[in-house]
Amino acid sequence: SDVLYDLYTGTGTIANFCARRVAKVVGVEYVVEAIEDAKINSAINGIENTSFYAGDMKDVLSDEFVRRNGRPDVIILDEPTVGLDPAQIIEIRNLIRKLGKLKTVIISSHILAEISELCDEFLVIAGGSLVAKGTLDEVDAMIDSTETLLLTVRGDREGVCAVLDGIEGAGDYEVVESAEEGTVALRIRLAR
């Protein structure tokens, strides 16, 4: 009986994935061609409980739209602020906060600063598995506290390694195969 809104649906990948688990999915996207592809993707997969609409989110999501399609029980936002100007980002954030008081809102984003502005609880999924869940501080403590830098340097292996060994805080590194002659490729793990 749940109604799911997939806002910024693109070609309907998330909408179609969720369609078998809810009564109705409504996808909204501003790119007309993407909506046409979303409809095709539903048809190819035999999914009949999806509806897709093209247009600017501000114009499409009206009270009449909600009356026609049903009040959402779950709202999914995939990269909701990408490509927006600063005023639009503030507007979307306010809308998300308002919706979050009433419904479950799921936001998918690789921009941690964006998520931390909007969410109280975080889930990190990697390789299809849940790897962390909690507040931002809890998740940050669970995630590996290193970053990896891939670097290609002109020079010989011995000289490059000697320089790296002399840099405090450079962390662990390993020499990896370099595609270009006269260079050394490195994978450096930096402590945060």
Protein backbone atom coordinates (compact mmCIF):
# COMPACT_ATOMS: atom_id res chain seq x y z
CA SER A 1 0.00 0.00 0.00
CA ASP A 2 3.04 2.30 0.16
CA VAL A 3 3.50 5.09 -2.36
CA LEU A 4 7.12 5.93 -3.16
CA TYR A 5 8.29 9.13 -4.86
CA ASP A 6 11.66 8.91 -6.62
CA LEU A 7 12.61 12.52 -7.18
CA TYR A 8 15.44 13.12 -9.65
CA THR A 9 14.66 9.66 -11.00
CA GLY A 10 16.83 9.88 -14.11
CA THR A 11 16.14 6.80 -16.23
CA GLY A 12 14.17 5.17 -13.42
CA THR A 13 16.78 2.72 -12.14
CA ILE A 14 15.95 3.21 -8.45
CA ALA A 15 12.22 3.59 -9.16
CA ASN A 16 12.07 0.31 -11.06
CA PHE A 17 14.17 -1.47 -8.44
CA CYS A 18 11.77 -0.39 -5.69
CA ALA A 19 8.57 -0.96 -7.69
CA ARG A 20 8.20 -4.61 -6.70
CA ARG A 21 8.25 -3.66 -3.01
CA VAL A 22 5.57 -0.94 -2.99
CA ALA A 23 2.09 -0.37 -4.39
CA LYS A 24 3.04 2.61 -6.56
CA VAL A 25 6.17 4.47 -7.65
CA VAL A 26 6.12 8.02 -8.97
CA GLY A 27 9.30 9.26 -10.63
CA VAL A 28 10.04 12.91 -11.41
CA GLU A 29 12.96 14.19 -13.50
CA TYR A 30 13.56 17.41 -15.42
CA VAL A 31 15.23 15.69 -18.42
CA VAL A 32 12.47 14.64 -20.82
CA GLU A 33 14.64 12.04 -22.59
CA ALA A 34 15.50 10.38 -19.27
CA ILE A 35 11.80 10.07 -18.43
CA GLU A 36 11.15 8.43 -21.81
CA ASP A 37 13.94 5.94 -21.01
CA ALA A 38 12.46 5.34 -17.53
CA LYS A 39 9.11 4.41 -19.12
CA ILE A 40 10.89 2.06 -21.55
CA ASN A 41 12.85 0.48 -18.69
CA SER A 42 9.60 -0.21 -16.80
CA ALA A 43 8.01 -1.73 -19.91
CA ILE A 44 11.03 -3.92 -20.70
CA ASN A 45 10.98 -5.26 -17.12
CA GLY A 46 7.21 -5.80 -17.01
CA ILE A 47 6.76 -3.21 -14.26
CA GLU A 48 3.29 -1.66 -14.33
CA ASN A 49 3.06 0.31 -11.08
CA THR A 50 5.34 3.20 -12.10
CA SER A 51 4.43 6.65 -13.37
CA PHE A 52 7.03 9.11 -14.63
CA TYR A 53 6.77 12.86 -15.05
CA ALA A 54 9.15 15.35 -16.67
CA GLY A 55 9.56 18.89 -15.43
CA ASP A 56 11.12 21.17 -12.88
CA MET A 57 10.55 19.80 -9.37
CA LYS A 58 9.10 23.14 -8.18
CA ASP A 59 6.51 23.10 -10.95
CA VAL A 60 5.63 19.40 -10.87
CA LEU A 61 5.29 18.81 -7.12
CA SER A 62 2.05 20.66 -6.47
CA ASP A 63 -0.86 19.81 -4.19
CA GLU A 64 -2.79 18.71 -7.29
CA PHE A 65 0.09 16.39 -8.29
CA VAL A 66 0.03 14.76 -4.84
CA ARG A 67 -3.78 14.41 -4.94
CA ARG A 68 -3.54 12.73 -8.35
CA ASN A 69 -0.63 10.40 -7.50
CA GLY A 70 -1.10 9.81 -3.78
CA ARG A 71 0.71 11.17 -0.76
CA PRO A 72 4.15 9.54 -0.61
CA ASP A 73 5.08 7.23 2.25
CA VAL A 74 8.73 7.15 1.18
CA ILE A 75 10.69 9.76 -0.77
CA ILE A 76 14.01 8.98 -2.43
CA LEU A 77 16.32 11.79 -3.52
CA ASP A 78 19.37 10.78 -5.56
CA GLU A 79 21.93 13.60 -5.63
CA PRO A 80 19.23 16.22 -5.00
CA THR A 81 21.40 19.34 -5.23
CA VAL A 82 23.78 18.51 -8.08
CA GLY A 83 23.65 21.20 -10.74
CA LEU A 84 21.64 23.69 -8.68
CA ASP A 85 22.64 27.26 -7.95
CA PRO A 86 23.15 28.30 -4.28
CA ALA A 87 19.60 29.70 -3.90
CA GLN A 88 18.07 26.51 -5.29
CA ILE A 89 20.23 24.37 -2.96
CA ILE A 90 18.85 26.26 0.06
CA GLU A 91 15.31 25.84 -1.28
CA ILE A 92 15.74 22.09 -1.80
CA ARG A 93 17.35 21.63 1.63
CA ASN A 94 14.40 23.40 3.26
CA LEU A 95 11.97 21.22 1.34
CA ILE A 96 13.82 18.05 2.38
CA ARG A 97 13.81 19.12 6.03
CA LYS A 98 10.08 19.83 5.84
CA LEU A 99 9.35 16.47 4.20
CA GLY A 100 11.59 14.65 6.67
CA LYS A 101 9.37 15.73 9.57
CA LEU A 102 6.42 13.97 7.96
CA LYS A 103 7.83 11.04 5.97
CA THR A 104 10.82 8.81 5.47
CA VAL A 105 13.27 10.59 3.18
CA ILE A 106 16.16 8.64 1.67
CA ILE A 107 18.97 10.69 0.17
CA SER A 108 21.65 9.16 -1.99
CA SER A 109 24.77 11.27 -2.40
CA HIS A 110 28.53 11.05 -2.47
CA ILE A 111 28.78 14.59 -1.07
CA LEU A 112 29.24 14.16 2.69
CA ALA A 113 28.84 17.88 3.39
CA GLU A 114 25.43 17.75 1.72
CA ILE A 115 24.30 14.73 3.69
CA SER A 116 25.57 16.13 6.98
CA GLU A 117 23.43 19.27 6.41
CA LEU A 118 20.26 17.21 6.10
CA CYS A 119 20.46 13.91 7.95
CA ASP A 120 20.41 12.73 11.54
CA GLU A 121 21.26 9.12 10.71
CA PHE A 122 23.66 7.83 8.06
CA LEU A 123 23.96 4.50 6.29
CA VAL A 124 27.02 3.78 4.21
CA ILE A 125 26.67 1.12 1.54
CA ALA A 126 29.69 -0.20 -0.32
CA GLY A 127 29.69 -3.08 -2.76
CA GLY A 128 26.00 -3.67 -2.07
CA SER A 129 26.52 -4.20 1.67
CA LEU A 130 25.81 -1.98 4.64
CA VAL A 131 29.22 -1.09 6.09
CA ALA A 132 28.28 1.58 8.65
CA LYS A 133 25.19 3.05 10.33
CA GLY A 134 24.77 5.79 12.93
CA THR A 135 25.31 9.49 13.52
CA LEU A 136 27.93 11.29 11.45
CA ASP A 137 30.50 10.97 14.26
CA GLU A 138 29.71 7.27 14.75
CA VAL A 139 29.96 6.52 11.04
CA ASP A 140 33.14 8.52 10.69
CA ALA A 141 34.72 6.45 13.49
CA MET A 142 33.64 3.20 11.79
CA ILE A 143 34.97 4.04 8.35
CA ASP A 144 38.62 3.45 7.59
CA SER A 145 40.51 6.50 8.76
CA THR A 146 42.82 6.61 5.76
CA GLU A 147 42.64 8.02 2.27
CA THR A 148 44.50 6.65 -0.72
CA LEU A 149 46.37 8.75 -3.24
CA LEU A 150 47.47 7.31 -6.57
CA LEU A 151 50.50 9.13 -7.88
CA THR A 152 52.81 8.82 -10.89
CA VAL A 153 56.20 10.49 -10.58
CA ARG A 154 59.00 10.93 -13.11
CA GLY A 155 62.19 9.35 -11.83
CA ASP A 156 63.65 6.07 -10.74
CA ARG A 157 62.19 3.82 -8.07
CA GLU A 158 65.06 4.20 -5.57
CA GLY A 159 65.08 8.00 -5.71
CA VAL A 160 61.31 8.37 -5.43
CA CYS A 161 61.15 5.95 -2.50
CA ALA A 162 64.00 7.76 -0.72
CA VAL A 163 62.12 11.06 -1.00
CA LEU A 164 58.89 9.51 0.28
CA ASP A 165 60.65 7.83 3.19
CA GLY A 166 61.87 11.28 4.26
CA ILE A 167 58.40 12.88 4.34
CA GLU A 168 56.77 12.84 7.74
CA GLY A 169 53.10 11.81 7.61
CA ALA A 170 53.35 10.34 4.13
CA GLY A 171 52.02 7.10 5.56
CA ASP A 172 52.40 3.70 4.00
CA TYR A 173 52.96 3.43 0.31
CA GLU A 174 53.48 0.75 -2.26
CA VAL A 175 55.00 0.90 -5.70
CA VAL A 176 52.56 -0.28 -8.36
CA GLU A 177 53.10 -0.96 -12.04
CA SER A 178 53.65 2.20 -14.06
CA ALA A 179 52.39 2.43 -17.63
CA GLU A 180 55.00 4.96 -18.73
CA GLU A 181 58.73 4.33 -18.94
CA GLY A 182 60.84 6.55 -16.69
CA THR A 183 58.09 6.95 -14.11
CA VAL A 184 57.17 5.36 -10.80
CA ALA A 185 53.53 4.75 -9.86
CA LEU A 186 52.65 4.75 -6.18
CA ARG A 187 49.65 4.05 -3.99
CA ILE A 188 50.03 6.17 -0.86
CA ARG A 189 47.81 5.76 2.20
CA LEU A 190 47.45 9.05 4.03
CA ALA A 191 46.25 9.22 7.62
CA ARG A 192 43.40 11.71 8.09
